[in-house]
Amino acid sequence: MYKDTHTRTEKRGVVHRKETNVNIYSKVHEREYNRVYLTTSIALYGWIRNVCY
């Protein structure tokens, strides 16, 4: 009985840890994507401005 609940708790801990890792990864990825998007849009804006004017 005790052993069963113990393993279940351990499994839940592992699953929780995996979910946390995914969340951290997606947050970092999102920040990286936003930074790339910003720099690209700024560069495009500058290029278009140079070409047009």
PDB file of N, CA and C in Angstrom:
ATOM      1  N   MET A   1       0.839  -1.204   0.000  1.00  0.00           N
ATOM      2  CA  MET A   1       0.000   0.000   0.000  1.00  0.00           C
ATOM      3  C   MET A   1       0.872   1.252   0.000  1.00  0.00           C
ATOM      4  N   TYR A   2       1.793   1.318   0.958  1.00  0.00           N
ATOM      5  CA  TYR A   2       2.676   2.497   1.053  1.00  0.00           C
ATOM      6  C   TYR A   2       3.529   2.626  -0.203  1.00  0.00           C
ATOM      7  N   LYS A   3       4.057   1.482  -0.656  1.00  0.00           N
ATOM      8  CA  LYS A   3       4.934   1.505  -1.823  1.00  0.00           C
ATOM      9  C   LYS A   3       4.187   2.049  -3.048  1.00  0.00           C
ATOM     10  N   ASP A   4       2.927   1.627  -3.190  1.00  0.00           N
ATOM     11  CA  ASP A   4       2.122   2.051  -4.337  1.00  0.00           C
ATOM     12  C   ASP A   4       1.957   3.575  -4.355  1.00  0.00           C
ATOM     13  N   THR A   5       1.556   4.156  -3.229  1.00  0.00           N
ATOM     14  CA  THR A   5       1.362   5.608  -3.179  1.00  0.00           C
ATOM     15  C   THR A   5       2.687   6.324  -3.398  1.00  0.00           C
ATOM     16  N   HIS A   6       3.760   5.744  -2.884  1.00  0.00           N
ATOM     17  CA  HIS A   6       5.078   6.372  -3.018  1.00  0.00           C
ATOM     18  C   HIS A   6       5.466   6.486  -4.497  1.00  0.00           C
ATOM     19  N   THR A   7       5.326   5.371  -5.249  1.00  0.00           N
ATOM     20  CA  THR A   7       5.699   5.399  -6.663  1.00  0.00           C
ATOM     21  C   THR A   7       4.797   6.365  -7.425  1.00  0.00           C
ATOM     22  N   ARG A   8       3.514   6.409  -7.053  1.00  0.00           N
ATOM     23  CA  ARG A   8       2.601   7.314  -7.745  1.00  0.00           C
ATOM     24  C   ARG A   8       3.056   8.765  -7.543  1.00  0.00           C
ATOM     25  N   THR A   9       3.453   9.088  -6.312  1.00  0.00           N
ATOM     26  CA  THR A   9       3.918  10.460  -6.031  1.00  0.00           C
ATOM     27  C   THR A   9       5.170  10.754  -6.842  1.00  0.00           C
ATOM     28  N   GLU A  10       6.083   9.801  -6.916  1.00  0.00           N
ATOM     29  CA  GLU A  10       7.319  10.003  -7.673  1.00  0.00           C
ATOM     30  C   GLU A  10       6.999  10.272  -9.140  1.00  0.00           C
ATOM     31  N   LYS A  11       6.090   9.455  -9.699  1.00  0.00           N
ATOM     32  CA  LYS A  11       5.713   9.638 -11.102  1.00  0.00           C
ATOM     33  C   LYS A  11       5.131  11.029 -11.319  1.00  0.00           C
ATOM     34  N   ARG A  12       4.265  11.452 -10.411  1.00  0.00           N
ATOM     35  CA  ARG A  12       3.649  12.770 -10.547  1.00  0.00           C
ATOM     36  C   ARG A  12       4.734  13.846 -10.517  1.00  0.00           C
ATOM     37  N   GLY A  13       5.723  13.670  -9.656  1.00  0.00           N
ATOM     38  CA  GLY A  13       6.829  14.626  -9.573  1.00  0.00           C
ATOM     39  C   GLY A  13       7.578  14.719 -10.893  1.00  0.00           C
ATOM     40  N   VAL A  14       7.824  13.574 -11.510  1.00  0.00           N
ATOM     41  CA  VAL A  14       8.545  13.555 -12.789  1.00  0.00           C
ATOM     42  C   VAL A  14       7.738  14.272 -13.861  1.00  0.00           C
ATOM     43  N   VAL A  15       6.445  13.972 -13.921  1.00  0.00           N
ATOM     44  CA  VAL A  15       5.577  14.608 -14.920  1.00  0.00           C
ATOM     45  C   VAL A  15       5.568  16.111 -14.706  1.00  0.00           C
ATOM     46  N   HIS A  16       5.467  16.517 -13.442  1.00  0.00           N
ATOM     47  CA  HIS A  16       5.439  17.944 -13.126  1.00  0.00           C
ATOM     48  C   HIS A  16       6.740  18.607 -13.567  1.00  0.00           C
ATOM     49  N   ARG A  17       7.862  17.927 -13.319  1.00  0.00           N
ATOM     50  CA  ARG A  17       9.161  18.483 -13.697  1.00  0.00           C
ATOM     51  C   ARG A  17       9.226  18.658 -15.213  1.00  0.00           C
ATOM     52  N   LYS A  18       8.732  17.668 -15.961  1.00  0.00           N
ATOM     53  CA  LYS A  18       8.740  17.762 -17.425  1.00  0.00           C
ATOM     54  C   LYS A  18       7.920  18.956 -17.884  1.00  0.00           C
ATOM     55  N   GLU A  19       6.729  19.126 -17.302  1.00  0.00           N
ATOM     56  CA  GLU A  19       5.866  20.244 -17.680  1.00  0.00           C
ATOM     57  C   GLU A  19       6.564  21.577 -17.411  1.00  0.00           C
ATOM     58  N   THR A  20       7.244  21.665 -16.262  1.00  0.00           N
ATOM     59  CA  THR A  20       7.946  22.907 -15.917  1.00  0.00           C
ATOM     60  C   THR A  20       9.035  23.186 -16.939  1.00  0.00           C
ATOM     61  N   ASN A  21       9.787  22.146 -17.321  1.00  0.00           N
ATOM     62  CA  ASN A  21      10.842  22.332 -18.316  1.00  0.00           C
ATOM     63  C   ASN A  21      10.269  22.854 -19.627  1.00  0.00           C
ATOM     64  N   VAL A  22       9.147  22.293 -20.053  1.00  0.00           N
ATOM     65  CA  VAL A  22       8.513  22.709 -21.301  1.00  0.00           C
ATOM     66  C   VAL A  22       8.095  24.173 -21.196  1.00  0.00           C
ATOM     67  N   ASN A  23       7.512  24.550 -20.046  1.00  0.00           N
ATOM     68  CA  ASN A  23       7.073  25.929 -19.859  1.00  0.00           C
ATOM     69  C   ASN A  23       8.251  26.887 -19.941  1.00  0.00           C
ATOM     70  N   ILE A  24       9.353  26.547 -19.256  1.00  0.00           N
ATOM     71  CA  ILE A  24      10.540  27.401 -19.270  1.00  0.00           C
ATOM     72  C   ILE A  24      11.061  27.514 -20.702  1.00  0.00           C
ATOM     73  N   TYR A  25      11.117  26.376 -21.413  1.00  0.00           N
ATOM     74  CA  TYR A  25      11.630  26.371 -22.778  1.00  0.00           C
ATOM     75  C   TYR A  25      10.778  27.260 -23.673  1.00  0.00           C
ATOM     76  N   SER A  26       9.450  27.125 -23.545  1.00  0.00           N
ATOM     77  CA  SER A  26       8.577  27.905 -24.431  1.00  0.00           C
ATOM     78  C   SER A  26       8.682  29.392 -24.111  1.00  0.00           C
ATOM     79  N   LYS A  27       8.848  29.734 -22.819  1.00  0.00           N
ATOM     80  CA  LYS A  27       9.008  31.144 -22.447  1.00  0.00           C
ATOM     81  C   LYS A  27      10.272  31.711 -23.080  1.00  0.00           C
ATOM     82  N   VAL A  28      11.387  30.970 -22.965  1.00  0.00           N
ATOM     83  CA  VAL A  28      12.657  31.430 -23.528  1.00  0.00           C
ATOM     84  C   VAL A  28      12.531  31.549 -25.042  1.00  0.00           C
ATOM     85  N   HIS A  29      11.916  30.537 -25.652  1.00  0.00           N
ATOM     86  CA  HIS A  29      11.756  30.504 -27.110  1.00  0.00           C
ATOM     87  C   HIS A  29      10.935  31.702 -27.566  1.00  0.00           C
ATOM     88  N   GLU A  30       9.871  31.995 -26.812  1.00  0.00           N
ATOM     89  CA  GLU A  30       8.999  33.108 -27.156  1.00  0.00           C
ATOM     90  C   GLU A  30       9.776  34.418 -27.110  1.00  0.00           C
ATOM     91  N   ARG A  31      10.581  34.595 -26.059  1.00  0.00           N
ATOM     92  CA  ARG A  31      11.371  35.822 -25.908  1.00  0.00           C
ATOM     93  C   ARG A  31      12.339  35.945 -27.077  1.00  0.00           C
ATOM     94  N   GLU A  32      12.981  34.829 -27.422  1.00  0.00           N
ATOM     95  CA  GLU A  32      13.941  34.819 -28.526  1.00  0.00           C
ATOM     96  C   GLU A  32      13.236  35.206 -29.830  1.00  0.00           C
ATOM     97  N   TYR A  33      12.072  34.635 -30.044  1.00  0.00           N
ATOM     98  CA  TYR A  33      11.302  34.906 -31.258  1.00  0.00           C
ATOM     99  C   TYR A  33      10.921  36.385 -31.330  1.00  0.00           C
ATOM    100  N   ASN A  34      10.477  36.930 -30.215  1.00  0.00           N
ATOM    101  CA  ASN A  34      10.098  38.349 -30.183  1.00  0.00           C
ATOM    102  C   ASN A  34      11.286  39.229 -30.527  1.00  0.00           C
ATOM    103  N   ARG A  35      12.466  38.870 -29.986  1.00  0.00           N
ATOM    104  CA  ARG A  35      13.666  39.675 -30.245  1.00  0.00           C
ATOM    105  C   ARG A  35      14.016  39.622 -31.727  1.00  0.00           C
ATOM    106  N   VAL A  36      13.982  38.430 -32.300  1.00  0.00           N
ATOM    107  CA  VAL A  36      14.303  38.275 -33.723  1.00  0.00           C
ATOM    108  C   VAL A  36      13.303  39.043 -34.570  1.00  0.00           C
ATOM    109  N   TYR A  37      12.021  38.928 -34.215  1.00  0.00           N
ATOM    110  CA  TYR A  37      10.967  39.621 -34.967  1.00  0.00           C
ATOM    111  C   TYR A  37      11.180  41.126 -34.917  1.00  0.00           C
ATOM    112  N   LEU A  38      11.539  41.626 -33.737  1.00  0.00           N
ATOM    113  CA  LEU A  38      11.751  43.066 -33.571  1.00  0.00           C
ATOM    114  C   LEU A  38      12.904  43.540 -34.441  1.00  0.00           C
ATOM    115  N   THR A  39      14.046  42.854 -34.352  1.00  0.00           N
ATOM    116  CA  THR A  39      15.221  43.281 -35.119  1.00  0.00           C
ATOM    117  C   THR A  39      14.937  43.196 -36.620  1.00  0.00           C
ATOM    118  N   THR A  40      14.226  42.152 -37.040  1.00  0.00           N
ATOM    119  CA  THR A  40      13.926  41.994 -38.457  1.00  0.00           C
ATOM    120  C   THR A  40      13.022  43.116 -38.937  1.00  0.00           C
ATOM    121  N   SER A  41      11.982  43.426 -38.151  1.00  0.00           N
ATOM    122  CA  SER A  41      11.043  44.478 -38.576  1.00  0.00           C
ATOM    123  C   SER A  41      11.735  45.835 -38.613  1.00  0.00           C
ATOM    124  N   ILE A  42      12.629  46.080 -37.642  1.00  0.00           N
ATOM    125  CA  ILE A  42      13.364  47.356 -37.634  1.00  0.00           C
ATOM    126  C   ILE A  42      14.260  47.447 -38.870  1.00  0.00           C
ATOM    127  N   ALA A  43      14.947  46.346 -39.172  1.00  0.00           N
ATOM    128  CA  ALA A  43      15.835  46.325 -40.334  1.00  0.00           C
ATOM    129  C   ALA A  43      15.033  46.525 -41.622  1.00  0.00           C
ATOM    130  N   LEU A  44      13.901  45.848 -41.719  1.00  0.00           N
ATOM    131  CA  LEU A  44      13.054  45.988 -42.905  1.00  0.00           C
ATOM    132  C   LEU A  44      12.551  47.419 -43.040  1.00  0.00           C
ATOM    133  N   TYR A  45      12.138  47.989 -41.910  1.00  0.00           N
ATOM    134  CA  TYR A  45      11.631  49.365 -41.924  1.00  0.00           C
ATOM    135  C   TYR A  45      12.706  50.323 -42.419  1.00  0.00           C
ATOM    136  N   GLY A  46      13.933  50.166 -41.905  1.00  0.00           N
ATOM    137  CA  GLY A  46      15.038  51.021 -42.318  1.00  0.00           C
ATOM    138  C   GLY A  46      15.358  50.848 -43.791  1.00  0.00           C
ATOM    139  N   TRP A  47      15.309  49.587 -44.253  1.00  0.00           N
ATOM    140  CA  TRP A  47      15.626  49.301 -45.657  1.00  0.00           C
ATOM    141  C   TRP A  47      14.585  49.923 -46.567  1.00  0.00           C
ATOM    142  N   ILE A  48      13.312  49.753 -46.218  1.00  0.00           N
ATOM    143  CA  ILE A  48      12.221  50.322 -47.027  1.00  0.00           C
ATOM    144  C   ILE A  48      12.335  51.846 -47.051  1.00  0.00           C
ATOM    145  N   ARG A  49      12.657  52.441 -45.912  1.00  0.00           N
ATOM    146  CA  ARG A  49      12.784  53.892 -45.832  1.00  0.00           C
ATOM    147  C   ARG A  49      13.920  54.364 -46.736  1.00  0.00           C
ATOM    148  N   ASN A  50      15.037  53.611 -46.730  1.00  0.00           N
ATOM    149  CA  ASN A  50      16.179  53.985 -47.575  1.00  0.00           C
ATOM    150  C   ASN A  50      15.824  53.884 -49.054  1.00  0.00           C
ATOM    151  N   VAL A  51      15.091  52.839 -49.405  1.00  0.00           N
ATOM    152  CA  VAL A  51      14.746  52.623 -50.814  1.00  0.00           C
ATOM    153  C   VAL A  51      13.744  53.676 -51.284  1.00  0.00           C
ATOM    154  N   CYS A  52      12.749  53.960 -50.450  1.00  0.00           N
ATOM    155  CA  CYS A  52      11.669  54.863 -50.873  1.00  0.00           C
ATOM    156  C   CYS A  52      12.118  56.319 -50.910  1.00  0.00           C
ATOM    157  N   TYR A  53      12.899  56.727 -49.920  1.00  0.00           N
ATOM    158  CA  TYR A  53      13.238  58.152 -49.870  1.00  0.00           C
ATOM    159  C   TYR A  53      14.667  58.381 -50.339  1.00  0.00           C
TER     160      TYR A  53
END
